[in-house]
Amino acid sequence: MAVSTVTSKGQVTIPKKVRESLRIATGDRVSFVVKSDGTAELRPETVDLRELYGTLEHEGGPVTVEQMKEDIADAARGARRRARRG
């Protein structure tokens, strides 16, 4: 487990092993998410879009913006139906 100390200014140094693991470099942004159970997560906010290439698969080739909007609307309608059923 990596440990750090909070300074009087509320700053913390992210340990090197954590920075390397999350691929955080000088100047990168991070976010802190406090969960309902009192734990907190540190998330890198800087993403190189090239790293995302190939993470989503779609059969049938490219999708148009209109198709995406239609799929989102369909999913929202399904979610509302499920919520009503309870």
PDB file of N, CA and C in Angstrom:
ATOM      1  N   MET A   1       0.849  -1.174   0.000  1.00  0.00           N
ATOM      2  CA  MET A   1       0.000   0.000   0.000  1.00  0.00           C
ATOM      3  C   MET A   1       0.894   1.237   0.000  1.00  0.00           C
ATOM      4  N   ALA A   2       0.547   2.205  -0.825  1.00  0.00           N
ATOM      5  CA  ALA A   2       1.279   3.466  -0.885  1.00  0.00           C
ATOM      6  C   ALA A   2       0.633   4.464   0.073  1.00  0.00           C
ATOM      7  N   VAL A   3       1.463   5.211   0.796  1.00  0.00           N
ATOM      8  CA  VAL A   3       0.969   6.170   1.784  1.00  0.00           C
ATOM      9  C   VAL A   3       1.590   7.526   1.495  1.00  0.00           C
ATOM     10  N   SER A   4       0.816   8.586   1.756  1.00  0.00           N
ATOM     11  CA  SER A   4       1.297   9.949   1.579  1.00  0.00           C
ATOM     12  C   SER A   4       0.774  10.799   2.724  1.00  0.00           C
ATOM     13  N   THR A   5       1.385  11.951   2.940  1.00  0.00           N
ATOM     14  CA  THR A   5       1.000  12.863   4.015  1.00  0.00           C
ATOM     15  C   THR A   5       0.386  14.123   3.425  1.00  0.00           C
ATOM     16  N   VAL A   6      -0.657  14.630   4.062  1.00  0.00           N
ATOM     17  CA  VAL A   6      -1.296  15.871   3.628  1.00  0.00           C
ATOM     18  C   VAL A   6      -0.527  17.035   4.231  1.00  0.00           C
ATOM     19  N   THR A   7      -0.177  18.024   3.394  1.00  0.00           N
ATOM     20  CA  THR A   7       0.538  19.206   3.876  1.00  0.00           C
ATOM     21  C   THR A   7      -0.440  20.204   4.491  1.00  0.00           C
ATOM     22  N   SER A   8       0.080  21.266   5.081  1.00  0.00           N
ATOM     23  CA  SER A   8      -0.778  22.297   5.672  1.00  0.00           C
ATOM     24  C   SER A   8      -1.622  23.002   4.617  1.00  0.00           C
ATOM     25  N   LYS A   9      -1.215  22.926   3.358  1.00  0.00           N
ATOM     26  CA  LYS A   9      -1.982  23.522   2.252  1.00  0.00           C
ATOM     27  C   LYS A   9      -2.986  22.541   1.653  1.00  0.00           C
ATOM     28  N   GLY A  10      -3.077  21.350   2.231  1.00  0.00           N
ATOM     29  CA  GLY A  10      -4.009  20.347   1.722  1.00  0.00           C
ATOM     30  C   GLY A  10      -3.483  19.589   0.518  1.00  0.00           C
ATOM     31  N   GLN A  11      -2.198  19.644   0.284  1.00  0.00           N
ATOM     32  CA  GLN A  11      -1.598  18.970  -0.868  1.00  0.00           C
ATOM     33  C   GLN A  11      -1.060  17.608  -0.471  1.00  0.00           C
ATOM     34  N   VAL A  12      -1.053  16.694  -1.446  1.00  0.00           N
ATOM     35  CA  VAL A  12      -0.489  15.373  -1.241  1.00  0.00           C
ATOM     36  C   VAL A  12       0.418  15.039  -2.417  1.00  0.00           C
ATOM     37  N   THR A  13       1.466  14.314  -2.151  1.00  0.00           N
ATOM     38  CA  THR A  13       2.320  13.814  -3.215  1.00  0.00           C
ATOM     39  C   THR A  13       1.834  12.417  -3.556  1.00  0.00           C
ATOM     40  N   ILE A  14       1.548  12.197  -4.822  1.00  0.00           N
ATOM     41  CA  ILE A  14       1.114  10.865  -5.251  1.00  0.00           C
ATOM     42  C   ILE A  14       2.377  10.020  -5.402  1.00  0.00           C
ATOM     43  N   PRO A  15       2.454   8.912  -4.679  1.00  0.00           N
ATOM     44  CA  PRO A  15       3.660   8.080  -4.740  1.00  0.00           C
ATOM     45  C   PRO A  15       3.977   7.627  -6.169  1.00  0.00           C
ATOM     46  N   LYS A  16       5.258   7.482  -6.442  1.00  0.00           N
ATOM     47  CA  LYS A  16       5.730   7.144  -7.788  1.00  0.00           C
ATOM     48  C   LYS A  16       5.072   5.888  -8.346  1.00  0.00           C
ATOM     49  N   LYS A  17       4.951   4.844  -7.540  1.00  0.00           N
ATOM     50  CA  LYS A  17       4.345   3.596  -8.034  1.00  0.00           C
ATOM     51  C   LYS A  17       2.897   3.804  -8.452  1.00  0.00           C
ATOM     52  N   VAL A  18       2.180   4.660  -7.733  1.00  0.00           N
ATOM     53  CA  VAL A  18       0.780   4.951  -8.074  1.00  0.00           C
ATOM     54  C   VAL A  18       0.731   5.757  -9.372  1.00  0.00           C
ATOM     55  N   ARG A  19       1.595   6.788  -9.487  1.00  0.00           N
ATOM     56  CA  ARG A  19       1.648   7.597 -10.722  1.00  0.00           C
ATOM     57  C   ARG A  19       1.960   6.727 -11.929  1.00  0.00           C
ATOM     58  N   GLU A  20       2.918   5.827 -11.762  1.00  0.00           N
ATOM     59  CA  GLU A  20       3.286   4.941 -12.876  1.00  0.00           C
ATOM     60  C   GLU A  20       2.140   4.015 -13.240  1.00  0.00           C
ATOM     61  N   SER A  21       1.484   3.468 -12.245  1.00  0.00           N
ATOM     62  CA  SER A  21       0.378   2.547 -12.475  1.00  0.00           C
ATOM     63  C   SER A  21      -0.783   3.221 -13.208  1.00  0.00           C
ATOM     64  N   LEU A  22      -1.071   4.479 -12.819  1.00  0.00           N
ATOM     65  CA  LEU A  22      -2.177   5.227 -13.437  1.00  0.00           C
ATOM     66  C   LEU A  22      -1.724   6.036 -14.653  1.00  0.00           C
ATOM     67  N   ARG A  23      -0.441   5.964 -14.954  1.00  0.00           N
ATOM     68  CA  ARG A  23       0.145   6.722 -16.068  1.00  0.00           C
ATOM     69  C   ARG A  23      -0.130   8.223 -15.919  1.00  0.00           C
ATOM     70  N   ILE A  24       0.077   8.726 -14.707  1.00  0.00           N
ATOM     71  CA  ILE A  24      -0.097  10.149 -14.410  1.00  0.00           C
ATOM     72  C   ILE A  24       1.266  10.819 -14.503  1.00  0.00           C
ATOM     73  N   ALA A  25       1.313  11.923 -15.236  1.00  0.00           N
ATOM     74  CA  ALA A  25       2.563  12.670 -15.387  1.00  0.00           C
ATOM     75  C   ALA A  25       2.355  14.107 -14.921  1.00  0.00           C
ATOM     76  N   THR A  26       3.443  14.837 -14.810  1.00  0.00           N
ATOM     77  CA  THR A  26       3.388  16.236 -14.419  1.00  0.00           C
ATOM     78  C   THR A  26       2.428  17.001 -15.330  1.00  0.00           C
ATOM     79  N   GLY A  27       1.516  17.766 -14.732  1.00  0.00           N
ATOM     80  CA  GLY A  27       0.556  18.551 -15.497  1.00  0.00           C
ATOM     81  C   GLY A  27      -0.749  17.834 -15.787  1.00  0.00           C
ATOM     82  N   ASP A  28      -0.812  16.516 -15.562  1.00  0.00           N
ATOM     83  CA  ASP A  28      -2.059  15.777 -15.778  1.00  0.00           C
ATOM     84  C   ASP A  28      -3.069  16.153 -14.708  1.00  0.00           C
ATOM     85  N   ARG A  29      -4.335  16.021 -15.069  1.00  0.00           N
ATOM     86  CA  ARG A  29      -5.410  16.295 -14.123  1.00  0.00           C
ATOM     87  C   ARG A  29      -5.901  14.982 -13.520  1.00  0.00           C
ATOM     88  N   VAL A  30      -6.321  15.047 -12.257  1.00  0.00           N
ATOM     89  CA  VAL A  30      -6.920  13.892 -11.583  1.00  0.00           C
ATOM     90  C   VAL A  30      -8.207  14.344 -10.911  1.00  0.00           C
ATOM     91  N   SER A  31      -9.104  13.412 -10.698  1.00  0.00           N
ATOM     92  CA  SER A  31     -10.321  13.732  -9.958  1.00  0.00           C
ATOM     93  C   SER A  31     -10.392  12.822  -8.740  1.00  0.00           C
ATOM     94  N   PHE A  32     -11.083  13.318  -7.717  1.00  0.00           N
ATOM     95  CA  PHE A  32     -11.291  12.556  -6.492  1.00  0.00           C
ATOM     96  C   PHE A  32     -12.773  12.279  -6.379  1.00  0.00           C
ATOM     97  N   VAL A  33     -13.133  11.024  -6.201  1.00  0.00           N
ATOM     98  CA  VAL A  33     -14.532  10.630  -6.075  1.00  0.00           C
ATOM     99  C   VAL A  33     -14.720  10.045  -4.684  1.00  0.00           C
ATOM    100  N   VAL A  34     -15.552  10.698  -3.875  1.00  0.00           N
ATOM    101  CA  VAL A  34     -15.837  10.197  -2.531  1.00  0.00           C
ATOM    102  C   VAL A  34     -17.109   9.366  -2.616  1.00  0.00           C
ATOM    103  N   LYS A  35     -17.010   8.112  -2.207  1.00  0.00           N
ATOM    104  CA  LYS A  35     -18.141   7.187  -2.278  1.00  0.00           C
ATOM    105  C   LYS A  35     -18.979   7.256  -1.004  1.00  0.00           C
ATOM    106  N   SER A  36     -20.165   6.702  -1.080  1.00  0.00           N
ATOM    107  CA  SER A  36     -21.087   6.751   0.052  1.00  0.00           C
ATOM    108  C   SER A  36     -20.566   5.983   1.266  1.00  0.00           C
ATOM    109  N   ASP A  37     -19.665   5.013   1.043  1.00  0.00           N
ATOM    110  CA  ASP A  37     -19.129   4.251   2.171  1.00  0.00           C
ATOM    111  C   ASP A  37     -17.931   4.944   2.832  1.00  0.00           C
ATOM    112  N   GLY A  38     -17.615   6.167   2.373  1.00  0.00           N
ATOM    113  CA  GLY A  38     -16.536   6.933   2.980  1.00  0.00           C
ATOM    114  C   GLY A  38     -15.182   6.727   2.332  1.00  0.00           C
ATOM    115  N   THR A  39     -15.079   5.811   1.372  1.00  0.00           N
ATOM    116  CA  THR A  39     -13.812   5.634   0.673  1.00  0.00           C
ATOM    117  C   THR A  39     -13.720   6.651  -0.461  1.00  0.00           C
ATOM    118  N   ALA A  40     -12.514   6.855  -0.945  1.00  0.00           N
ATOM    119  CA  ALA A  40     -12.308   7.807  -2.035  1.00  0.00           C
ATOM    120  C   ALA A  40     -11.488   7.149  -3.135  1.00  0.00           C
ATOM    121  N   GLU A  41     -11.739   7.578  -4.369  1.00  0.00           N
ATOM    122  CA  GLU A  41     -10.977   7.084  -5.510  1.00  0.00           C
ATOM    123  C   GLU A  41     -10.256   8.250  -6.162  1.00  0.00           C
ATOM    124  N   LEU A  42      -9.075   8.010  -6.624  1.00  0.00           N
ATOM    125  CA  LEU A  42      -8.304   8.968  -7.409  1.00  0.00           C
ATOM    126  C   LEU A  42      -8.354   8.473  -8.845  1.00  0.00           C
ATOM    127  N   ARG A  43      -8.827   9.317  -9.743  1.00  0.00           N
ATOM    128  CA  ARG A  43      -8.964   8.907 -11.143  1.00  0.00           C
ATOM    129  C   ARG A  43      -8.203   9.872 -12.051  1.00  0.00           C
ATOM    130  N   PRO A  44      -7.403   9.328 -12.962  1.00  0.00           N
ATOM    131  CA  PRO A  44      -6.745  10.208 -13.928  1.00  0.00           C
ATOM    132  C   PRO A  44      -7.783  10.792 -14.881  1.00  0.00           C
ATOM    133  N   GLU A  45      -7.686  12.076 -15.168  1.00  0.00           N
ATOM    134  CA  GLU A  45      -8.629  12.740 -16.074  1.00  0.00           C
ATOM    135  C   GLU A  45      -8.020  12.970 -17.449  1.00  0.00           C
ATOM    136  N   THR A  46      -6.750  12.739 -17.590  1.00  0.00           N
ATOM    137  CA  THR A  46      -6.091  12.949 -18.870  1.00  0.00           C
ATOM    138  C   THR A  46      -6.025  11.623 -19.612  1.00  0.00           C
ATOM    139  N   VAL A  47      -6.659  11.570 -20.753  1.00  0.00           N
ATOM    140  CA  VAL A  47      -6.665  10.354 -21.554  1.00  0.00           C
ATOM    141  C   VAL A  47      -6.177  10.705 -22.947  1.00  0.00           C
ATOM    142  N   ASP A  48      -5.222   9.947 -23.433  1.00  0.00           N
ATOM    143  CA  ASP A  48      -4.772  10.098 -24.806  1.00  0.00           C
ATOM    144  C   ASP A  48      -5.752   9.310 -25.674  1.00  0.00           C
ATOM    145  N   LEU A  49      -6.453   9.997 -26.548  1.00  0.00           N
ATOM    146  CA  LEU A  49      -7.481   9.346 -27.357  1.00  0.00           C
ATOM    147  C   LEU A  49      -6.938   8.168 -28.157  1.00  0.00           C
ATOM    148  N   ARG A  50      -5.662   8.191 -28.461  1.00  0.00           N
ATOM    149  CA  ARG A  50      -5.080   7.056 -29.190  1.00  0.00           C
ATOM    150  C   ARG A  50      -5.139   5.785 -28.356  1.00  0.00           C
ATOM    151  N   GLU A  51      -5.137   5.917 -27.036  1.00  0.00           N
ATOM    152  CA  GLU A  51      -5.216   4.751 -26.163  1.00  0.00           C
ATOM    153  C   GLU A  51      -6.591   4.100 -26.233  1.00  0.00           C
ATOM    154  N   LEU A  52      -7.604   4.858 -26.627  1.00  0.00           N
ATOM    155  CA  LEU A  52      -8.959   4.337 -26.683  1.00  0.00           C
ATOM    156  C   LEU A  52      -9.248   3.572 -27.970  1.00  0.00           C
ATOM    157  N   TYR A  53      -8.372   3.704 -28.968  1.00  0.00           N
ATOM    158  CA  TYR A  53      -8.604   3.054 -30.244  1.00  0.00           C
ATOM    159  C   TYR A  53      -8.797   1.550 -30.054  1.00  0.00           C
ATOM    160  N   GLY A  54      -9.873   1.051 -30.593  1.00  0.00           N
ATOM    161  CA  GLY A  54     -10.138  -0.380 -30.553  1.00  0.00           C
ATOM    162  C   GLY A  54     -10.815  -0.864 -29.293  1.00  0.00           C
ATOM    163  N   THR A  55     -11.134   0.026 -28.342  1.00  0.00           N
ATOM    164  CA  THR A  55     -11.767  -0.426 -27.108  1.00  0.00           C
ATOM    165  C   THR A  55     -13.245  -0.722 -27.289  1.00  0.00           C
ATOM    166  N   LEU A  56     -13.846  -0.128 -28.307  1.00  0.00           N
ATOM    167  CA  LEU A  56     -15.254  -0.386 -28.592  1.00  0.00           C
ATOM    168  C   LEU A  56     -15.356  -1.143 -29.906  1.00  0.00           C
ATOM    169  N   GLU A  57     -16.164  -2.171 -29.901  1.00  0.00           N
ATOM    170  CA  GLU A  57     -16.352  -2.935 -31.111  1.00  0.00           C
ATOM    171  C   GLU A  57     -17.787  -2.774 -31.589  1.00  0.00           C
ATOM    172  N   HIS A  58     -17.943  -2.727 -32.895  1.00  0.00           N
ATOM    173  CA  HIS A  58     -19.276  -2.627 -33.475  1.00  0.00           C
ATOM    174  C   HIS A  58     -19.303  -3.460 -34.734  1.00  0.00           C
ATOM    175  N   GLU A  59     -20.248  -4.366 -34.793  1.00  0.00           N
ATOM    176  CA  GLU A  59     -20.395  -5.165 -36.002  1.00  0.00           C
ATOM    177  C   GLU A  59     -21.123  -4.344 -37.057  1.00  0.00           C
ATOM    178  N   GLY A  60     -20.697  -4.448 -38.287  1.00  0.00           N
ATOM    179  CA  GLY A  60     -21.410  -3.784 -39.362  1.00  0.00           C
ATOM    180  C   GLY A  60     -20.809  -2.461 -39.792  1.00  0.00           C
ATOM    181  N   GLY A  61     -19.653  -2.108 -39.294  1.00  0.00           N
ATOM    182  CA  GLY A  61     -18.993  -0.901 -39.775  1.00  0.00           C
ATOM    183  C   GLY A  61     -19.341   0.336 -38.980  1.00  0.00           C
ATOM    184  N   PRO A  62     -19.027   1.492 -39.557  1.00  0.00           N
ATOM    185  CA  PRO A  62     -19.222   2.766 -38.853  1.00  0.00           C
ATOM    186  C   PRO A  62     -20.686   3.046 -38.545  1.00  0.00           C
ATOM    187  N   VAL A  63     -20.902   3.845 -37.507  1.00  0.00           N
ATOM    188  CA  VAL A  63     -22.253   4.219 -37.089  1.00  0.00           C
ATOM    189  C   VAL A  63     -22.387   5.728 -37.265  1.00  0.00           C
ATOM    190  N   THR A  64     -23.506   6.159 -37.803  1.00  0.00           N
ATOM    191  CA  THR A  64     -23.733   7.590 -37.980  1.00  0.00           C
ATOM    192  C   THR A  64     -24.195   8.216 -36.670  1.00  0.00           C
ATOM    193  N   VAL A  65     -24.098   9.529 -36.594  1.00  0.00           N
ATOM    194  CA  VAL A  65     -24.562  10.255 -35.408  1.00  0.00           C
ATOM    195  C   VAL A  65     -26.057  10.018 -35.224  1.00  0.00           C
ATOM    196  N   GLU A  66     -26.801   9.981 -36.308  1.00  0.00           N
ATOM    197  CA  GLU A  66     -28.246   9.744 -36.231  1.00  0.00           C
ATOM    198  C   GLU A  66     -28.540   8.368 -35.627  1.00  0.00           C
ATOM    199  N   GLN A  67     -27.751   7.360 -36.015  1.00  0.00           N
ATOM    200  CA  GLN A  67     -27.946   6.015 -35.458  1.00  0.00           C
ATOM    201  C   GLN A  67     -27.629   6.005 -33.960  1.00  0.00           C
ATOM    202  N   MET A  68     -26.572   6.743 -33.571  1.00  0.00           N
ATOM    203  CA  MET A  68     -26.223   6.815 -32.149  1.00  0.00           C
ATOM    204  C   MET A  68     -27.346   7.461 -31.354  1.00  0.00           C
ATOM    205  N   LYS A  69     -27.893   8.569 -31.874  1.00  0.00           N
ATOM    206  CA  LYS A  69     -28.989   9.258 -31.175  1.00  0.00           C
ATOM    207  C   LYS A  69     -30.202   8.339 -31.053  1.00  0.00           C
ATOM    208  N   GLU A  70     -30.495   7.599 -32.103  1.00  0.00           N
ATOM    209  CA  GLU A  70     -31.628   6.671 -32.091  1.00  0.00           C
ATOM    210  C   GLU A  70     -31.411   5.570 -31.045  1.00  0.00           C
ATOM    211  N   ASP A  71     -30.213   5.022 -30.992  1.00  0.00           N
ATOM    212  CA  ASP A  71     -29.900   3.971 -30.017  1.00  0.00           C
ATOM    213  C   ASP A  71     -29.982   4.509 -28.586  1.00  0.00           C
ATOM    214  N   ILE A  72     -29.506   5.727 -28.370  1.00  0.00           N
ATOM    215  CA  ILE A  72     -29.589   6.331 -27.034  1.00  0.00           C
ATOM    216  C   ILE A  72     -31.036   6.536 -26.626  1.00  0.00           C
ATOM    217  N   ALA A  73     -31.868   7.019 -27.559  1.00  0.00           N
ATOM    218  CA  ALA A  73     -33.297   7.227 -27.268  1.00  0.00           C
ATOM    219  C   ALA A  73     -33.971   5.898 -26.954  1.00  0.00           C
ATOM    220  N   ASP A  74     -33.648   4.853 -27.718  1.00  0.00           N
ATOM    221  CA  ASP A  74     -34.215   3.524 -27.457  1.00  0.00           C
ATOM    222  C   ASP A  74     -33.825   3.016 -26.073  1.00  0.00           C
ATOM    223  N   ALA A  75     -32.567   3.201 -25.709  1.00  0.00           N
ATOM    224  CA  ALA A  75     -32.101   2.758 -24.393  1.00  0.00           C
ATOM    225  C   ALA A  75     -32.803   3.531 -23.284  1.00  0.00           C
ATOM    226  N   ALA A  76     -33.002   4.832 -23.475  1.00  0.00           N
ATOM    227  CA  ALA A  76     -33.683   5.651 -22.469  1.00  0.00           C
ATOM    228  C   ALA A  76     -35.128   5.201 -22.302  1.00  0.00           C
ATOM    229  N   ARG A  77     -35.790   4.917 -23.412  1.00  0.00           N
ATOM    230  CA  ARG A  77     -37.179   4.425 -23.318  1.00  0.00           C
ATOM    231  C   ARG A  77     -37.231   3.107 -22.554  1.00  0.00           C
ATOM    232  N   GLY A  78     -36.291   2.214 -22.820  1.00  0.00           N
ATOM    233  CA  GLY A  78     -36.242   0.933 -22.111  1.00  0.00           C
ATOM    234  C   GLY A  78     -35.989   1.115 -20.628  1.00  0.00           C
ATOM    235  N   ALA A  79     -35.116   2.056 -20.277  1.00  0.00           N
ATOM    236  CA  ALA A  79     -34.811   2.325 -18.868  1.00  0.00           C
ATOM    237  C   ALA A  79     -36.043   2.874 -18.157  1.00  0.00           C
ATOM    238  N   ARG A  80     -36.780   3.754 -18.834  1.00  0.00           N
ATOM    239  CA  ARG A  80     -37.997   4.307 -18.217  1.00  0.00           C
ATOM    240  C   ARG A  80     -39.029   3.200 -18.001  1.00  0.00           C
ATOM    241  N   ARG A  81     -39.162   2.293 -18.966  1.00  0.00           N
ATOM    242  CA  ARG A  81     -40.119   1.181 -18.815  1.00  0.00           C
ATOM    243  C   ARG A  81     -39.728   0.293 -17.637  1.00  0.00           C
ATOM    244  N   ARG A  82     -38.447  -0.015 -17.521  1.00  0.00           N
ATOM    245  CA  ARG A  82     -37.970  -0.856 -16.407  1.00  0.00           C
ATOM    246  C   ARG A  82     -38.204  -0.161 -15.070  1.00  0.00           C
ATOM    247  N   ALA A  83     -38.007   1.150 -15.019  1.00  0.00           N
ATOM    248  CA  ALA A  83     -38.184   1.907 -13.778  1.00  0.00           C
ATOM    249  C   ALA A  83     -39.650   1.906 -13.350  1.00  0.00           C
ATOM    250  N   ARG A  84     -40.560   1.992 -14.334  1.00  0.00           N
ATOM    251  CA  ARG A  84     -41.989   1.991 -14.003  1.00  0.00           C
ATOM    252  C   ARG A  84     -42.424   0.638 -13.442  1.00  0.00           C
ATOM    253  N   ARG A  85     -41.813  -0.444 -13.968  1.00  0.00           N
ATOM    254  CA  ARG A  85     -42.172  -1.788 -13.492  1.00  0.00           C
ATOM    255  C   ARG A  85     -41.640  -2.038 -12.098  1.00  0.00           C
ATOM    256  N   GLY A  86     -40.601  -1.292 -11.765  1.00  0.00           N
ATOM    257  CA  GLY A  86     -40.121  -1.258 -10.464  1.00  0.00           C
ATOM    258  C   GLY A  86     -39.208  -2.089  -9.814  1.00  0.00           C
TER     259      GLY A  86
END
